[in-house]
N, C-alpha and C. Protein backbone atom coordinates (compact mmCIF):
# COMPACT_ATOMS: atom_id res chain seq x y z
N MET A 1 -4.97 -1.17 -4.63
CA MET A 1 -5.81 -1.37 -3.29
C MET A 1 -5.01 -1.46 -2.11
N PRO A 2 -5.30 -0.55 -1.42
CA PRO A 2 -4.39 -0.14 -0.10
C PRO A 2 -4.47 -1.21 0.75
N ARG A 3 -3.31 -1.27 1.42
CA ARG A 3 -3.18 -2.39 2.81
C ARG A 3 -3.26 -1.45 4.16
N ILE A 4 -4.29 -2.00 4.97
CA ILE A 4 -4.61 -1.02 6.08
C ILE A 4 -4.35 -1.88 7.10
N SER A 5 -3.93 -1.13 8.14
CA SER A 5 -3.74 -1.83 9.56
C SER A 5 -5.19 -1.99 9.98
N PRO A 6 -5.30 -2.76 10.93
CA PRO A 6 -6.73 -2.93 11.74
C PRO A 6 -7.29 -1.55 12.41
N SER A 7 -6.18 -0.78 13.00
CA SER A 7 -6.53 0.61 13.51
C SER A 7 -6.98 1.60 12.69
N GLY A 8 -6.55 1.24 11.23
CA GLY A 8 -7.05 2.23 10.58
C GLY A 8 -8.47 1.92 9.53
N LEU A 9 -9.05 0.94 9.85
CA LEU A 9 -9.97 0.42 9.35
C LEU A 9 -11.47 1.43 9.69
N THR A 10 -12.42 1.39 8.96
CA THR A 10 -13.42 2.17 9.10
C THR A 10 -14.84 1.27 8.42
N PRO A 11 -16.03 1.42 9.03
CA PRO A 11 -17.22 0.70 8.75
C PRO A 11 -17.50 1.17 7.12
N GLY A 12 -17.97 0.34 6.25
CA GLY A 12 -18.27 0.62 5.08
C GLY A 12 -17.13 0.30 4.22
N MET A 13 -15.89 0.02 4.32
CA MET A 13 -14.62 -0.33 3.57
C MET A 13 -15.05 -1.76 3.27
N ILE A 14 -14.61 -2.26 1.87
CA ILE A 14 -14.94 -3.53 1.40
C ILE A 14 -13.58 -4.12 1.41
N THR A 15 -13.45 -5.45 1.63
CA THR A 15 -12.35 -6.37 1.79
C THR A 15 -12.02 -6.61 0.08
N ALA A 16 -10.68 -6.66 -0.13
CA ALA A 16 -10.23 -6.70 -1.49
C ALA A 16 -9.44 -8.39 -1.73
N ARG A 17 -9.34 -8.66 -0.59
CA ARG A 17 -8.70 -10.24 -0.51
C ARG A 17 -9.24 -10.67 0.84
N PRO A 18 -9.31 -12.13 0.83
CA PRO A 18 -9.48 -12.64 2.21
C PRO A 18 -8.69 -12.17 3.30
N VAL A 19 -9.40 -11.98 4.59
CA VAL A 19 -8.85 -11.27 5.65
C VAL A 19 -8.23 -12.89 6.36
N VAL A 20 -7.06 -12.69 6.60
CA VAL A 20 -6.26 -14.06 7.39
C VAL A 20 -5.66 -13.51 8.78
N ASN A 21 -5.67 -14.39 9.74
CA ASN A 21 -4.84 -13.86 10.77
C ASN A 21 -3.36 -14.53 10.91
N ALA A 22 -2.61 -14.23 11.67
CA ALA A 22 -1.07 -14.82 11.85
C ALA A 22 -0.82 -16.06 11.49
N ASN A 23 -1.99 -16.95 11.58
CA ASN A 23 -1.75 -18.42 11.54
C ASN A 23 -2.29 -18.84 10.06
N GLY A 24 -2.75 -17.91 9.19
CA GLY A 24 -3.14 -18.36 7.92
C GLY A 24 -4.68 -18.63 7.85
N MET A 25 -5.25 -18.42 8.85
CA MET A 25 -6.82 -18.93 9.06
C MET A 25 -7.69 -17.88 8.58
N VAL A 26 -8.58 -18.12 7.58
CA VAL A 26 -9.27 -17.28 6.93
C VAL A 26 -10.40 -16.84 7.79
N LEU A 27 -10.45 -15.39 7.98
CA LEU A 27 -11.46 -14.83 9.06
C LEU A 27 -12.74 -14.20 8.08
N LEU A 28 -12.33 -13.45 7.23
CA LEU A 28 -13.32 -13.10 6.42
C LEU A 28 -13.04 -13.03 4.72
N GLY A 29 -14.19 -13.13 3.98
CA GLY A 29 -13.76 -13.42 2.67
C GLY A 29 -13.57 -12.18 1.88
N GLU A 30 -13.01 -12.26 0.86
CA GLU A 30 -13.15 -10.94 -0.09
C GLU A 30 -14.36 -10.56 -0.37
N ASN A 31 -14.40 -9.18 -0.68
CA ASN A 31 -15.87 -8.35 -1.01
C ASN A 31 -16.76 -8.18 0.13
N THR A 32 -16.38 -8.48 1.36
CA THR A 32 -17.03 -8.27 2.50
C THR A 32 -17.08 -7.06 3.02
N GLU A 33 -18.34 -6.37 3.29
CA GLU A 33 -18.34 -4.89 3.72
C GLU A 33 -18.10 -4.78 5.32
N LEU A 34 -17.05 -4.02 5.82
CA LEU A 34 -16.81 -4.25 7.01
C LEU A 34 -17.73 -3.26 7.88
N THR A 35 -18.02 -3.88 9.22
CA THR A 35 -18.81 -3.39 10.18
C THR A 35 -17.96 -2.92 11.63
N THR A 36 -18.45 -2.23 12.45
CA THR A 36 -17.98 -1.96 13.53
C THR A 36 -17.33 -3.26 14.23
N GLU A 37 -18.43 -4.17 14.11
CA GLU A 37 -18.37 -5.45 14.80
C GLU A 37 -17.32 -6.28 14.25
N LEU A 38 -17.28 -6.34 12.98
CA LEU A 38 -16.15 -7.15 12.09
C LEU A 38 -14.83 -6.34 12.47
N ILE A 39 -14.76 -5.12 12.41
CA ILE A 39 -13.47 -4.32 12.83
C ILE A 39 -12.87 -4.80 14.21
N ASP A 40 -13.77 -4.96 15.07
CA ASP A 40 -13.37 -5.25 16.40
C ASP A 40 -12.95 -6.62 16.39
N ARG A 41 -13.32 -7.52 15.85
CA ARG A 41 -13.16 -8.95 15.51
C ARG A 41 -11.79 -8.88 14.95
N ILE A 42 -11.50 -8.36 13.84
CA ILE A 42 -10.23 -8.33 13.23
C ILE A 42 -9.15 -7.75 14.06
N LYS A 43 -9.38 -6.76 14.93
CA LYS A 43 -8.33 -6.16 15.62
C LYS A 43 -8.01 -7.27 17.05
N SER A 44 -8.98 -7.99 17.35
CA SER A 44 -8.61 -8.87 18.57
C SER A 44 -8.04 -10.55 18.06
N MET A 45 -7.79 -10.53 16.74
CA MET A 45 -7.39 -11.75 15.96
C MET A 45 -6.05 -11.82 15.42
N GLU A 46 -5.24 -11.07 15.87
CA GLU A 46 -3.77 -10.86 15.32
C GLU A 46 -3.81 -10.79 13.85
N VAL A 47 -4.58 -9.75 13.16
CA VAL A 47 -4.51 -9.57 11.96
C VAL A 47 -3.50 -8.56 11.59
N ASP A 48 -2.50 -8.58 10.82
CA ASP A 48 -1.51 -7.63 10.48
C ASP A 48 -2.24 -6.52 9.65
N ALA A 49 -2.75 -6.89 8.49
CA ALA A 49 -3.37 -5.76 7.73
C ALA A 49 -4.49 -6.43 6.78
N VAL A 50 -5.35 -5.42 6.38
CA VAL A 50 -6.28 -5.81 5.53
C VAL A 50 -6.23 -5.19 4.17
N HIS A 51 -6.37 -5.78 2.90
CA HIS A 51 -6.64 -5.17 1.77
C HIS A 51 -7.95 -4.62 1.58
N VAL A 52 -8.18 -3.48 1.14
CA VAL A 52 -9.61 -3.07 0.95
C VAL A 52 -9.64 -2.43 -0.55
N HIS A 53 -10.70 -2.43 -0.85
CA HIS A 53 -10.70 -1.75 -2.46
C HIS A 53 -10.75 -0.20 -2.34
N GLY A 54 -10.38 0.30 -3.32
CA GLY A 54 -10.07 1.73 -3.35
C GLY A 54 -8.61 2.09 -3.54
N THR A 55 -8.27 3.39 -3.42
CA THR A 55 -6.81 3.83 -3.88
C THR A 55 -6.52 4.44 -2.43
N SER A 56 -5.45 4.42 -1.73
CA SER A 56 -5.08 4.98 -0.97
C SER A 56 -4.12 6.36 -1.27
N ALA A 57 -4.17 7.36 -0.39
CA ALA A 57 -3.63 8.75 -0.70
C ALA A 57 -2.29 8.69 -0.64
N PRO A 58 -1.60 9.40 -1.42
CA PRO A 58 0.10 9.40 -1.47
C PRO A 58 0.67 9.71 0.28
N LEU A 59 1.64 9.01 0.58
CA LEU A 59 2.08 9.44 1.73
C LEU A 59 3.00 10.55 1.86
N ARG A 60 3.63 10.95 0.55
CA ARG A 60 4.72 12.14 0.48
C ARG A 60 4.32 12.98 -0.87
N PRO A 61 4.61 14.00 -1.18
CA PRO A 61 4.22 14.83 -2.33
C PRO A 61 5.08 14.21 -3.57
N LYS A 62 4.68 13.99 -4.60
CA LYS A 62 5.51 13.69 -5.71
C LYS A 62 6.94 14.38 -5.79
N GLU A 63 6.55 15.64 -5.79
CA GLU A 63 8.11 16.34 -6.17
C GLU A 63 9.14 15.97 -4.99
N ALA A 64 8.66 15.78 -3.82
CA ALA A 64 9.82 15.37 -2.69
C ALA A 64 10.10 14.15 -3.13
N LEU A 65 9.33 13.03 -3.56
CA LEU A 65 9.80 11.43 -3.87
C LEU A 65 10.73 11.75 -5.17
N LEU A 66 10.56 12.32 -6.03
CA LEU A 66 11.16 12.54 -7.46
C LEU A 66 12.60 13.28 -6.89
N ALA A 67 12.48 14.30 -6.03
CA ALA A 67 14.09 14.71 -5.67
C ALA A 67 14.85 13.83 -4.91
N GLU A 68 14.22 13.10 -4.02
CA GLU A 68 15.12 12.08 -3.30
C GLU A 68 15.54 10.93 -4.22
N ILE A 69 14.76 10.45 -5.22
CA ILE A 69 15.30 9.48 -6.21
C ILE A 69 16.48 10.12 -7.12
N GLU A 70 16.19 11.39 -7.58
CA GLU A 70 17.27 11.74 -8.36
C GLU A 70 18.64 12.05 -7.53
N GLY A 71 18.41 12.36 -6.30
CA GLY A 71 19.83 12.31 -5.31
C GLY A 71 20.29 11.08 -4.94
N ARG A 72 19.48 10.04 -4.86
CA ARG A 72 20.14 8.91 -4.94
C ARG A 72 20.75 8.13 -5.85
N PHE A 73 20.30 8.38 -7.26
CA PHE A 73 21.00 7.94 -8.45
C PHE A 73 21.91 8.90 -8.56
N ARG A 74 21.89 10.21 -8.34
CA ARG A 74 23.12 10.96 -8.69
C ARG A 74 24.59 10.25 -7.90
N LEU A 75 24.43 9.63 -6.84
CA LEU A 75 25.62 9.05 -6.32
C LEU A 75 25.98 7.75 -6.97
N ALA A 76 25.30 7.39 -8.05
CA ALA A 76 25.90 6.19 -8.77
C ALA A 76 26.53 6.50 -10.37
N GLY A 77 26.60 7.80 -10.30
CA GLY A 77 27.43 8.29 -11.39
C GLY A 77 26.61 8.34 -12.84
N ASN A 78 27.41 8.18 -13.77
CA ASN A 78 26.71 8.29 -15.29
C ASN A 78 26.74 7.06 -16.01
N ASP A 79 26.62 5.96 -15.19
CA ASP A 79 26.42 4.38 -15.93
C ASP A 79 25.20 4.57 -16.68
N PRO A 80 25.27 3.99 -17.93
CA PRO A 80 24.15 4.08 -18.77
C PRO A 80 22.91 3.23 -18.26
N ASN A 81 23.36 1.88 -17.73
CA ASN A 81 22.44 1.11 -17.22
C ASN A 81 21.44 1.58 -16.15
N THR A 82 22.32 2.01 -15.05
CA THR A 82 21.89 2.73 -13.91
C THR A 82 20.58 3.91 -14.44
N ASP A 83 21.18 4.56 -15.23
CA ASP A 83 20.16 5.88 -15.78
C ASP A 83 19.18 5.17 -16.52
N THR A 84 19.05 3.76 -16.97
CA THR A 84 17.86 3.19 -17.68
C THR A 84 16.92 3.02 -16.29
N ILE A 85 17.52 2.46 -15.45
CA ILE A 85 16.63 2.41 -14.36
C ILE A 85 16.20 3.23 -13.50
N ARG A 86 17.05 4.43 -13.40
CA ARG A 86 16.46 5.71 -12.67
C ARG A 86 15.03 6.28 -13.58
N LYS A 87 15.23 6.14 -15.04
CA LYS A 87 14.12 6.66 -15.75
C LYS A 87 13.02 6.03 -15.38
N ALA A 88 13.21 4.56 -15.30
CA ALA A 88 12.08 3.59 -15.20
C ALA A 88 11.37 3.78 -13.72
N VAL A 89 12.18 4.29 -12.72
CA VAL A 89 11.58 4.44 -11.35
C VAL A 89 10.92 5.68 -11.19
N MET A 90 11.50 6.57 -11.89
CA MET A 90 11.00 7.91 -12.13
C MET A 90 9.24 7.95 -13.15
N ARG A 91 9.43 6.97 -14.23
CA ARG A 91 8.42 6.92 -14.69
C ARG A 91 7.36 6.27 -13.67
N HIS A 92 7.63 5.49 -13.20
CA HIS A 92 6.81 4.62 -12.27
C HIS A 92 6.07 5.65 -11.17
N ILE A 93 6.84 6.48 -10.68
CA ILE A 93 6.65 7.31 -9.49
C ILE A 93 5.51 8.17 -10.30
N GLU A 94 5.79 8.84 -11.37
CA GLU A 94 4.96 9.56 -12.26
C GLU A 94 3.50 9.18 -12.21
N SER A 95 3.42 7.74 -12.51
CA SER A 95 2.10 6.86 -12.71
C SER A 95 1.69 6.84 -11.62
N LEU A 96 1.97 6.68 -10.62
CA LEU A 96 1.33 6.59 -9.13
C LEU A 96 0.68 7.86 -8.65
N TYR A 97 1.06 9.02 -9.48
CA TYR A 97 0.26 10.14 -8.95
C TYR A 97 -0.41 10.93 -10.10
N ALA A 98 -0.71 10.01 -11.16
CA ALA A 98 -1.51 10.48 -12.18
C ALA A 98 -2.63 10.58 -11.98
């Protein structure tokens, strides 16, 4: 369930959680279909982000992310505990792109 800034909302999206403003006041309930009017209200009411149903597109290619993780863990040396964490992180990244 992606978390979208108000500027990235489009009509037809469905809220996955209640929409709350900076003060914690509930503005819209869960499973509300967003319209142009509701999006305009959200933008004017100090809402940080809105959780919507669906999946978000990856921001970076999997290969680039895996290479960065390998590089960061390489700095830690050959510690067995660190290697276990590295493998878990790599599996998690792989699962995000499956």
